[in-house]
PDB file of N, CA and C in Angstrom:
ATOM      1  N   PRO A   1       6.541   8.892  21.178  1.00  0.00           N
ATOM      2  CA  PRO A   1       7.159   7.589  21.238  1.00  0.00           C
ATOM      3  C   PRO A   1       7.750   7.164  19.921  1.00  0.00           C
ATOM      4  N   MET A   2       7.040   7.461  18.820  1.00  0.00           N
ATOM      5  CA  MET A   2       7.609   7.053  17.498  1.00  0.00           C
ATOM      6  C   MET A   2       8.827   7.813  17.142  1.00  0.00           C
ATOM      7  N   LEU A   3       8.826   9.097  17.419  1.00  0.00           N
ATOM      8  CA  LEU A   3      10.015   9.980  17.184  1.00  0.00           C
ATOM      9  C   LEU A   3      11.239   9.510  17.992  1.00  0.00           C
ATOM     10  N   SER A   4      10.941   9.160  19.283  1.00  0.00           N
ATOM     11  CA  SER A   4      12.051   8.658  20.098  1.00  0.00           C
ATOM     12  C   SER A   4      12.662   7.358  19.568  1.00  0.00           C
ATOM     13  N   ALA A   5      11.745   6.493  19.116  1.00  0.00           N
ATOM     14  CA  ALA A   5      12.217   5.217  18.573  1.00  0.00           C
ATOM     15  C   ALA A   5      13.014   5.471  17.255  1.00  0.00           C
ATOM     16  N   LEU A   6      12.541   6.351  16.464  1.00  0.00           N
ATOM     17  CA  LEU A   6      13.270   6.683  15.239  1.00  0.00           C
ATOM     18  C   LEU A   6      14.596   7.283  15.531  1.00  0.00           C
ATOM     19  N   LEU A   7      14.755   8.159  16.511  1.00  0.00           N
ATOM     20  CA  LEU A   7      16.039   8.814  16.821  1.00  0.00           C
ATOM     21  C   LEU A   7      17.034   7.775  17.374  1.00  0.00           C
ATOM     22  N   ARG A   8      16.486   6.784  18.112  1.00  0.00           N
ATOM     23  CA  ARG A   8      17.383   5.690  18.605  1.00  0.00           C
ATOM     24  C   ARG A   8      18.005   4.926  17.401  1.00  0.00           C
ATOM     25  N   ARG A   9      17.230   4.743  16.376  1.00  0.00           N
ATOM     26  CA  ARG A   9      17.694   3.938  15.243  1.00  0.00           C
ATOM     27  C   ARG A   9      18.529   4.818  14.298  1.00  0.00           C
ATOM     28  N   MET A  10      18.228   6.073  14.196  1.00  0.00           N
ATOM     29  CA  MET A  10      18.913   7.019  13.320  1.00  0.00           C
ATOM     30  C   MET A  10      19.245   8.291  13.987  1.00  0.00           C
ATOM     31  N   PRO A  11      20.266   8.247  14.898  1.00  0.00           N
ATOM     32  CA  PRO A  11      20.591   9.414  15.698  1.00  0.00           C
ATOM     33  C   PRO A  11      20.942  10.634  14.907  1.00  0.00           C
ATOM     34  N   GLY A  12      21.409  10.474  13.643  1.00  0.00           N
ATOM     35  CA  GLY A  12      21.742  11.664  12.886  1.00  0.00           C
ATOM     36  C   GLY A  12      20.646  12.558  12.534  1.00  0.00           C
ATOM     37  N   LEU A  13      19.379  11.995  12.669  1.00  0.00           N
ATOM     38  CA  LEU A  13      18.224  12.821  12.364  1.00  0.00           C
ATOM     39  C   LEU A  13      17.892  13.837  13.476  1.00  0.00           C
ATOM     40  N   GLU A  14      18.525  13.666  14.580  1.00  0.00           N
ATOM     41  CA  GLU A  14      18.273  14.603  15.700  1.00  0.00           C
ATOM     42  C   GLU A  14      18.642  16.027  15.354  1.00  0.00           C
ATOM     43  N   ALA A  15      19.621  16.212  14.487  1.00  0.00           N
ATOM     44  CA  ALA A  15      20.057  17.537  14.040  1.00  0.00           C
ATOM     45  C   ALA A  15      19.188  18.153  13.006  1.00  0.00           C
ATOM     46  N   CYS A  16      18.257  17.356  12.481  1.00  0.00           N
ATOM     47  CA  CYS A  16      17.390  17.815  11.382  1.00  0.00           C
ATOM     48  C   CYS A  16      16.214  18.682  11.979  1.00  0.00           C
ATOM     49  N   GLU A  17      15.817  19.650  11.194  1.00  0.00           N
ATOM     50  CA  GLU A  17      14.712  20.483  11.594  1.00  0.00           C
ATOM     51  C   GLU A  17      13.416  19.915  10.910  1.00  0.00           C
ATOM     52  N   ILE A  18      12.365  19.683  11.725  1.00  0.00           N
ATOM     53  CA  ILE A  18      11.089  19.248  11.132  1.00  0.00           C
ATOM     54  C   ILE A  18      10.433  20.385  10.440  1.00  0.00           C
ATOM     55  N   GLN A  19      10.205  20.316   9.222  1.00  0.00           N
ATOM     56  CA  GLN A  19       9.615  21.404   8.401  1.00  0.00           C
ATOM     57  C   GLN A  19       8.068  21.266   8.408  1.00  0.00           C
ATOM     58  N   GLN A  20       7.582  20.022   8.309  1.00  0.00           N
ATOM     59  CA  GLN A  20       6.170  19.800   8.226  1.00  0.00           C
ATOM     60  C   GLN A  20       5.850  18.410   8.752  1.00  0.00           C
ATOM     61  N   LEU A  21       4.769  18.358   9.520  1.00  0.00           N
ATOM     62  CA  LEU A  21       4.265  17.153  10.060  1.00  0.00           C
ATOM     63  C   LEU A  21       2.955  16.824   9.373  1.00  0.00           C
ATOM     64  N   VAL A  22       2.893  15.667   8.776  1.00  0.00           N
ATOM     65  CA  VAL A  22       1.672  15.312   8.037  1.00  0.00           C
ATOM     66  C   VAL A  22       0.960  14.151   8.789  1.00  0.00           C
ATOM     67  N   ASN A  23      -0.308  14.384   9.015  1.00  0.00           N
ATOM     68  CA  ASN A  23      -1.125  13.341   9.635  1.00  0.00           C
ATOM     69  C   ASN A  23      -2.300  13.089   8.682  1.00  0.00           C
ATOM     70  N   CYS A  24      -2.442  11.806   8.264  1.00  0.00           N
ATOM     71  CA  CYS A  24      -3.467  11.481   7.280  1.00  0.00           C
ATOM     72  C   CYS A  24      -4.129  10.184   7.644  1.00  0.00           C
ATOM     73  N   PRO A  25      -5.277   9.865   7.015  1.00  0.00           N
ATOM     74  CA  PRO A  25      -5.945   8.639   7.311  1.00  0.00           C
ATOM     75  C   PRO A  25      -5.175   7.426   6.833  1.00  0.00           C
ATOM     76  N   GLU A  26      -5.173   6.352   7.570  1.00  0.00           N
ATOM     77  CA  GLU A  26      -4.555   5.104   7.086  1.00  0.00           C
ATOM     78  C   GLU A  26      -5.457   4.356   6.195  1.00  0.00           C
ATOM     79  N   SER A  27      -4.902   3.510   5.373  1.00  0.00           N
ATOM     80  CA  SER A  27      -5.731   2.687   4.441  1.00  0.00           C
ATOM     81  C   SER A  27      -5.460   1.241   4.842  1.00  0.00           C
ATOM     82  N   PHE A  28      -6.483   0.580   5.252  1.00  0.00           N
ATOM     83  CA  PHE A  28      -6.429  -0.829   5.652  1.00  0.00           C
ATOM     84  C   PHE A  28      -7.369  -1.637   4.786  1.00  0.00           C
ATOM     85  N   THR A  29      -6.889  -2.818   4.285  1.00  0.00           N
ATOM     86  CA  THR A  29      -7.733  -3.654   3.511  1.00  0.00           C
ATOM     87  C   THR A  29      -8.329  -4.744   4.424  1.00  0.00           C
ATOM     88  N   PRO A  30      -9.370  -5.471   3.966  1.00  0.00           N
ATOM     89  CA  PRO A  30      -9.976  -6.488   4.803  1.00  0.00           C
ATOM     90  C   PRO A  30      -9.028  -7.592   5.254  1.00  0.00           C
ATOM     91  N   ASP A  31      -8.033  -7.936   4.430  1.00  0.00           N
ATOM     92  CA  ASP A  31      -7.165  -9.006   4.853  1.00  0.00           C
ATOM     93  C   ASP A  31      -5.735  -8.488   5.234  1.00  0.00           C
ATOM     94  N   MET A  32      -5.635  -7.117   5.400  1.00  0.00           N
ATOM     95  CA  MET A  32      -4.408  -6.433   5.850  1.00  0.00           C
ATOM     96  C   MET A  32      -3.281  -6.523   4.887  1.00  0.00           C
ATOM     97  N   ARG A  33      -3.495  -6.874   3.552  1.00  0.00           N
ATOM     98  CA  ARG A  33      -2.479  -6.844   2.576  1.00  0.00           C
ATOM     99  C   ARG A  33      -2.855  -5.738   1.604  1.00  0.00           C
ATOM    100  N   CYS A  34      -1.774  -5.185   0.972  1.00  0.00           N
ATOM    101  CA  CYS A  34      -2.060  -4.076   0.044  1.00  0.00           C
ATOM    102  C   CYS A  34      -2.724  -4.537  -1.220  1.00  0.00           C
ATOM    103  N   LEU A  35      -3.254  -3.523  -1.973  1.00  0.00           N
ATOM    104  CA  LEU A  35      -3.919  -3.847  -3.259  1.00  0.00           C
ATOM    105  C   LEU A  35      -2.967  -3.453  -4.331  1.00  0.00           C
ATOM    106  N   MET A  36      -2.789  -4.363  -5.323  1.00  0.00           N
ATOM    107  CA  MET A  36      -1.884  -4.116  -6.404  1.00  0.00           C
ATOM    108  C   MET A  36      -2.452  -4.715  -7.696  1.00  0.00           C
ATOM    109  N   GLY A  37      -2.353  -3.996  -8.789  1.00  0.00           N
ATOM    110  CA  GLY A  37      -2.723  -4.596 -10.048  1.00  0.00           C
ATOM    111  C   GLY A  37      -3.724  -3.777 -10.814  1.00  0.00           C
ATOM    112  N   GLU A  38      -4.063  -4.344 -11.938  1.00  0.00           N
ATOM    113  CA  GLU A  38      -5.066  -3.718 -12.814  1.00  0.00           C
ATOM    114  C   GLU A  38      -6.464  -3.988 -12.314  1.00  0.00           C
ATOM    115  N   THR A  39      -7.282  -2.909 -12.285  1.00  0.00           N
ATOM    116  CA  THR A  39      -8.603  -3.091 -11.761  1.00  0.00           C
ATOM    117  C   THR A  39      -9.450  -3.877 -12.710  1.00  0.00           C
ATOM    118  N   PRO A  40     -10.337  -4.744 -12.201  1.00  0.00           N
ATOM    119  CA  PRO A  40     -11.131  -5.611 -13.000  1.00  0.00           C
ATOM    120  C   PRO A  40     -12.166  -4.862 -13.932  1.00  0.00           C
ATOM    121  N   GLY A  41     -12.560  -3.682 -13.508  1.00  0.00           N
ATOM    122  CA  GLY A  41     -13.593  -2.976 -14.280  1.00  0.00           C
ATOM    123  C   GLY A  41     -13.087  -1.947 -15.254  1.00  0.00           C
ATOM    124  N   ILE A  42     -11.816  -1.543 -15.176  1.00  0.00           N
ATOM    125  CA  ILE A  42     -11.255  -0.477 -16.027  1.00  0.00           C
ATOM    126  C   ILE A  42      -9.933  -0.911 -16.601  1.00  0.00           C
ATOM    127  N   TYR A  43      -9.924  -1.224 -17.874  1.00  0.00           N
ATOM    128  CA  TYR A  43      -8.713  -1.732 -18.537  1.00  0.00           C
ATOM    129  C   TYR A  43      -7.621  -0.624 -18.549  1.00  0.00           C
ATOM    130  N   GLY A  44      -6.442  -0.957 -18.163  1.00  0.00           N
ATOM    131  CA  GLY A  44      -5.300  -0.066 -18.126  1.00  0.00           C
ATOM    132  C   GLY A  44      -5.217   0.829 -16.896  1.00  0.00           C
ATOM    133  N   TYR A  45      -6.144   0.609 -15.947  1.00  0.00           N
ATOM    134  CA  TYR A  45      -6.102   1.457 -14.676  1.00  0.00           C
ATOM    135  C   TYR A  45      -5.532   0.559 -13.608  1.00  0.00           C
ATOM    136  N   PHE A  46      -4.269   0.878 -13.183  1.00  0.00           N
ATOM    137  CA  PHE A  46      -3.636   0.115 -12.169  1.00  0.00           C
ATOM    138  C   PHE A  46      -3.629   0.806 -10.870  1.00  0.00           C
ATOM    139  N   VAL A  47      -3.586  -0.048  -9.782  1.00  0.00           N
ATOM    140  CA  VAL A  47      -3.735   0.536  -8.386  1.00  0.00           C
ATOM    141  C   VAL A  47      -2.594  -0.085  -7.576  1.00  0.00           C
ATOM    142  N   LEU A  48      -2.038   0.740  -6.684  1.00  0.00           N
ATOM    143  CA  LEU A  48      -1.167   0.303  -5.663  1.00  0.00           C
ATOM    144  C   LEU A  48      -1.503   1.096  -4.409  1.00  0.00           C
ATOM    145  N   ALA A  49      -2.293   0.516  -3.506  1.00  0.00           N
ATOM    146  CA  ALA A  49      -2.812   1.226  -2.364  1.00  0.00           C
ATOM    147  C   ALA A  49      -3.042   0.234  -1.172  1.00  0.00           C
ATOM    148  N   GLY A  50      -3.524   0.798  -0.097  1.00  0.00           N
ATOM    149  CA  GLY A  50      -3.825   0.039   1.085  1.00  0.00           C
ATOM    150  C   GLY A  50      -2.595  -0.590   1.707  1.00  0.00           C
ATOM    151  N   MET A  51      -1.570   0.187   1.853  1.00  0.00           N
ATOM    152  CA  MET A  51      -0.331  -0.279   2.435  1.00  0.00           C
ATOM    153  C   MET A  51      -0.333  -0.509   3.939  1.00  0.00           C
ATOM    154  N   ASN A  52      -1.400  -0.193   4.598  1.00  0.00           N
ATOM    155  CA  ASN A  52      -1.481  -0.433   6.026  1.00  0.00           C
ATOM    156  C   ASN A  52      -0.307   0.064   6.834  1.00  0.00           C
ATOM    157  N   SER A  53       0.050   1.287   6.639  1.00  0.00           N
ATOM    158  CA  SER A  53       1.148   1.915   7.400  1.00  0.00           C
ATOM    159  C   SER A  53       2.505   1.461   6.969  1.00  0.00           C
ATOM    160  N   SER A  54       2.599   0.632   5.895  1.00  0.00           N
ATOM    161  CA  SER A  54       3.900   0.122   5.488  1.00  0.00           C
ATOM    162  C   SER A  54       4.337   0.639   4.115  1.00  0.00           C
ATOM    163  N   GLY A  55       3.763   1.698   3.725  1.00  0.00           N
ATOM    164  CA  GLY A  55       4.039   2.249   2.354  1.00  0.00           C
ATOM    165  C   GLY A  55       5.493   2.501   2.101  1.00  0.00           C
ATOM    166  N   LEU A  56       6.182   3.123   3.052  1.00  0.00           N
ATOM    167  CA  LEU A  56       7.615   3.442   2.847  1.00  0.00           C
ATOM    168  C   LEU A  56       8.448   2.165   2.669  1.00  0.00           C
ATOM    169  N   SER A  57       8.206   1.202   3.533  1.00  0.00           N
ATOM    170  CA  SER A  57       9.018  -0.042   3.445  1.00  0.00           C
ATOM    171  C   SER A  57       8.683  -0.929   2.182  1.00  0.00           C
ATOM    172  N   PHE A  58       7.418  -0.798   1.734  1.00  0.00           N
ATOM    173  CA  PHE A  58       6.993  -1.602   0.556  1.00  0.00           C
ATOM    174  C   PHE A  58       7.247  -0.863  -0.726  1.00  0.00           C
ATOM    175  N   ALA A  59       7.466   0.448  -0.724  1.00  0.00           N
ATOM    176  CA  ALA A  59       7.409   1.267  -1.942  1.00  0.00           C
ATOM    177  C   ALA A  59       8.375   0.774  -2.987  1.00  0.00           C
ATOM    178  N   GLY A  60       9.640   0.530  -2.736  1.00  0.00           N
ATOM    179  CA  GLY A  60      10.543   0.126  -3.737  1.00  0.00           C
ATOM    180  C   GLY A  60      10.144  -1.172  -4.462  1.00  0.00           C
ATOM    181  N   GLY A  61       9.924  -2.174  -3.716  1.00  0.00           N
ATOM    182  CA  GLY A  61       9.603  -3.513  -4.365  1.00  0.00           C
ATOM    183  C   GLY A  61       8.225  -3.442  -5.023  1.00  0.00           C
ATOM    184  N   ALA A  62       7.309  -2.879  -4.321  1.00  0.00           N
ATOM    185  CA  ALA A  62       5.894  -2.806  -4.906  1.00  0.00           C
ATOM    186  C   ALA A  62       5.872  -1.992  -6.166  1.00  0.00           C
ATOM    187  N   GLY A  63       6.625  -0.868  -6.151  1.00  0.00           N
ATOM    188  CA  GLY A  63       6.655   0.004  -7.322  1.00  0.00           C
ATOM    189  C   GLY A  63       7.318  -0.709  -8.485  1.00  0.00           C
ATOM    190  N   LYS A  64       8.348  -1.494  -8.220  1.00  0.00           N
ATOM    191  CA  LYS A  64       9.109  -2.209  -9.254  1.00  0.00           C
ATOM    192  C   LYS A  64       8.126  -3.296  -9.884  1.00  0.00           C
ATOM    193  N   TYR A  65       7.415  -3.988  -9.051  1.00  0.00           N
ATOM    194  CA  TYR A  65       6.557  -5.068  -9.638  1.00  0.00           C
ATOM    195  C   TYR A  65       5.345  -4.488 -10.357  1.00  0.00           C
ATOM    196  N   LEU A  66       4.834  -3.338  -9.863  1.00  0.00           N
ATOM    197  CA  LEU A  66       3.745  -2.718 -10.544  1.00  0.00           C
ATOM    198  C   LEU A  66       4.183  -2.121 -11.871  1.00  0.00           C
ATOM    199  N   ALA A  67       5.370  -1.527 -11.906  1.00  0.00           N
ATOM    200  CA  ALA A  67       5.914  -0.986 -13.155  1.00  0.00           C
ATOM    201  C   ALA A  67       6.108  -2.117 -14.201  1.00  0.00           C
ATOM    202  N   GLU A  68       6.582  -3.276 -13.736  1.00  0.00           N
ATOM    203  CA  GLU A  68       6.720  -4.388 -14.666  1.00  0.00           C
ATOM    204  C   GLU A  68       5.381  -4.868 -15.189  1.00  0.00           C
ATOM    205  N   TRP A  69       4.402  -4.876 -14.267  1.00  0.00           N
ATOM    206  CA  TRP A  69       3.032  -5.353 -14.623  1.00  0.00           C
ATOM    207  C   TRP A  69       2.493  -4.419 -15.750  1.00  0.00           C
ATOM    208  N   ILE A  70       2.632  -3.075 -15.494  1.00  0.00           N
ATOM    209  CA  ILE A  70       2.169  -2.138 -16.481  1.00  0.00           C
ATOM    210  C   ILE A  70       2.934  -2.210 -17.783  1.00  0.00           C
ATOM    211  N   THR A  71       4.238  -2.372 -17.740  1.00  0.00           N
ATOM    212  CA  THR A  71       5.023  -2.388 -18.917  1.00  0.00           C
ATOM    213  C   THR A  71       4.955  -3.700 -19.722  1.00  0.00           C
ATOM    214  N   TYR A  72       5.083  -4.846 -19.010  1.00  0.00           N
ATOM    215  CA  TYR A  72       5.125  -6.152 -19.688  1.00  0.00           C
ATOM    216  C   TYR A  72       3.815  -6.972 -19.583  1.00  0.00           C
ATOM    217  N   GLY A  73       2.874  -6.534 -18.826  1.00  0.00           N
ATOM    218  CA  GLY A  73       1.649  -7.290 -18.648  1.00  0.00           C
ATOM    219  C   GLY A  73       1.653  -8.257 -17.510  1.00  0.00           C
ATOM    220  N   TYR A  74       2.767  -8.356 -16.846  1.00  0.00           N
ATOM    221  CA  TYR A  74       2.882  -9.265 -15.634  1.00  0.00           C
ATOM    222  C   TYR A  74       4.079  -8.867 -14.872  1.00  0.00           C
ATOM    223  N   PRO A  75       4.070  -9.085 -13.549  1.00  0.00           N
ATOM    224  CA  PRO A  75       5.319  -8.805 -12.754  1.00  0.00           C
ATOM    225  C   PRO A  75       6.219 -10.009 -12.828  1.00  0.00           C
ATOM    226  N   SER A  76       7.461  -9.790 -12.443  1.00  0.00           N
ATOM    227  CA  SER A  76       8.503 -10.878 -12.450  1.00  0.00           C
ATOM    228  C   SER A  76       8.405 -11.774 -11.210  1.00  0.00           C
ATOM    229  N   ALA A  77       7.609 -11.390 -10.310  1.00  0.00           N
ATOM    230  CA  ALA A  77       7.402 -12.252  -9.062  1.00  0.00           C
ATOM    231  C   ALA A  77       5.920 -12.497  -8.916  1.00  0.00           C
ATOM    232  N   ASN A  78       5.662 -13.578  -8.141  1.00  0.00           N
ATOM    233  CA  ASN A  78       4.267 -13.915  -7.928  1.00  0.00           C
ATOM    234  C   ASN A  78       3.617 -12.960  -6.842  1.00  0.00           C
ATOM    235  N   VAL A  79       2.816 -12.048  -7.270  1.00  0.00           N
ATOM    236  CA  VAL A  79       2.193 -11.100  -6.381  1.00  0.00           C
ATOM    237  C   VAL A  79       0.659 -11.347  -6.194  1.00  0.00           C
ATOM    238  N   TRP A  80       0.263 -12.556  -6.560  1.00  0.00           N
ATOM    239  CA  TRP A  80      -1.153 -12.919  -6.491  1.00  0.00           C
ATOM    240  C   TRP A  80      -1.761 -12.588  -5.147  1.00  0.00           C
ATOM    241  N   PRO A  81      -1.096 -12.827  -4.003  1.00  0.00           N
ATOM    242  CA  PRO A  81      -1.653 -12.482  -2.707  1.00  0.00           C
ATOM    243  C   PRO A  81      -2.024 -10.966  -2.562  1.00  0.00           C
ATOM    244  N   LEU A  82      -1.448 -10.195  -3.392  1.00  0.00           N
ATOM    245  CA  LEU A  82      -1.717  -8.700  -3.334  1.00  0.00           C
ATOM    246  C   LEU A  82      -2.674  -8.199  -4.434  1.00  0.00           C
ATOM    247  N   ASP A  83      -2.995  -9.108  -5.370  1.00  0.00           N
ATOM    248  CA  ASP A  83      -3.772  -8.698  -6.525  1.00  0.00           C
ATOM    249  C   ASP A  83      -5.132  -8.161  -6.131  1.00  0.00           C
ATOM    250  N   ILE A  84      -5.414  -7.021  -6.728  1.00  0.00           N
ATOM    251  CA  ILE A  84      -6.711  -6.306  -6.367  1.00  0.00           C
ATOM    252  C   ILE A  84      -7.885  -7.182  -6.711  1.00  0.00           C
ATOM    253  N   LYS A  85      -7.756  -8.099  -7.660  1.00  0.00           N
ATOM    254  CA  LYS A  85      -8.888  -8.916  -8.073  1.00  0.00           C
ATOM    255  C   LYS A  85      -9.324  -9.962  -6.979  1.00  0.00           C
ATOM    256  N   ARG A  86      -8.487 -10.057  -5.905  1.00  0.00           N
ATOM    257  CA  ARG A  86      -8.838 -11.035  -4.885  1.00  0.00           C
ATOM    258  C   ARG A  86     -10.103 -10.655  -4.142  1.00  0.00           C
ATOM    259  N   PHE A  87     -10.445  -9.427  -4.207  1.00  0.00           N
ATOM    260  CA  PHE A  87     -11.721  -8.919  -3.565  1.00  0.00           C
ATOM    261  C   PHE A  87     -12.813  -8.877  -4.569  1.00  0.00           C
ATOM    262  N   GLY A  88     -14.009  -9.144  -4.167  1.00  0.00           N
ATOM    263  CA  GLY A  88     -15.178  -9.112  -5.047  1.00  0.00           C
ATOM    264  C   GLY A  88     -16.174  -8.134  -4.528  1.00  0.00           C
ATOM    265  N   ASN A  89     -17.471  -8.384  -4.902  1.00  0.00           N
ATOM    266  CA  ASN A  89     -18.525  -7.480  -4.517  1.00  0.00           C
ATOM    267  C   ASN A  89     -18.820  -7.561  -3.031  1.00  0.00           C
ATOM    268  N   LEU A  90     -18.530  -8.654  -2.368  1.00  0.00           N
ATOM    269  CA  LEU A  90     -18.781  -8.781  -0.914  1.00  0.00           C
ATOM    270  C   LEU A  90     -18.071  -7.694  -0.132  1.00  0.00           C
ATOM    271  N   GLN A  91     -16.778  -7.524  -0.389  1.00  0.00           N
ATOM    272  CA  GLN A  91     -15.942  -6.576   0.364  1.00  0.00           C
ATOM    273  C   GLN A  91     -16.289  -5.106   0.102  1.00  0.00           C
ATOM    274  N   SER A  92     -17.057  -4.836  -1.008  1.00  0.00           N
ATOM    275  CA  SER A  92     -17.394  -3.467  -1.322  1.00  0.00           C
ATOM    276  C   SER A  92     -18.848  -3.188  -1.007  1.00  0.00           C
ATOM    277  N   SER A  93     -19.535  -4.115  -0.428  1.00  0.00           N
ATOM    278  CA  SER A  93     -20.963  -3.940  -0.082  1.00  0.00           C
ATOM    279  C   SER A  93     -21.118  -3.119   1.133  1.00  0.00           C
ATOM    280  N   ARG A  94     -22.126  -2.308   1.210  1.00  0.00           N
ATOM    281  CA  ARG A  94     -22.369  -1.448   2.400  1.00  0.00           C
ATOM    282  C   ARG A  94     -22.551  -2.279   3.668  1.00  0.00           C
ATOM    283  N   THR A  95     -23.176  -3.371   3.583  1.00  0.00           N
ATOM    284  CA  THR A  95     -23.407  -4.278   4.742  1.00  0.00           C
ATOM    285  C   THR A  95     -22.026  -4.744   5.315  1.00  0.00           C
ATOM    286  N   PHE A  96     -21.165  -5.230   4.394  1.00  0.00           N
ATOM    287  CA  PHE A  96     -19.817  -5.695   4.878  1.00  0.00           C
ATOM    288  C   PHE A  96     -19.074  -4.563   5.512  1.00  0.00           C
ATOM    289  N   LEU A  97     -18.990  -3.386   4.847  1.00  0.00           N
ATOM    290  CA  LEU A  97     -18.306  -2.237   5.346  1.00  0.00           C
ATOM    291  C   LEU A  97     -18.865  -1.690   6.672  1.00  0.00           C
ATOM    292  N   ARG A  98     -20.202  -1.767   6.810  1.00  0.00           N
ATOM    293  CA  ARG A  98     -20.734  -1.256   8.061  1.00  0.00           C
ATOM    294  C   ARG A  98     -20.386  -2.167   9.157  1.00  0.00           C
ATOM    295  N   HIS A  99     -20.422  -3.505   9.009  1.00  0.00           N
ATOM    296  CA  HIS A  99     -20.027  -4.442  10.040  1.00  0.00           C
ATOM    297  C   HIS A  99     -18.565  -4.445  10.346  1.00  0.00           C
ATOM    298  N   ARG A 100     -17.792  -4.191   9.327  1.00  0.00           N
ATOM    299  CA  ARG A 100     -16.327  -4.119   9.592  1.00  0.00           C
ATOM    300  C   ARG A 100     -15.967  -2.904  10.362  1.00  0.00           C
TER     301      ARG A 100
END
């Protein structure tokens, strides 16, 4: 179904040969938004993860803002809703994860 939908949107791909099909685990955050920014526990360690199946569509903008954050110390747009620091110890506890 996904390939059929893709070919309807981009019919030129029908002539392409599939070289490799990759199937991997998805990454979902508790609030369904990606994680972006410097980790609270490790200075200089930046994360951009948990794209919830939207990595390709978010990649350009998210990469730009993370690169600005790394280079200048802050991004040029308000990305607070995606900041990795929005989660605390609750979301990483075994009890929370088991119930989730």
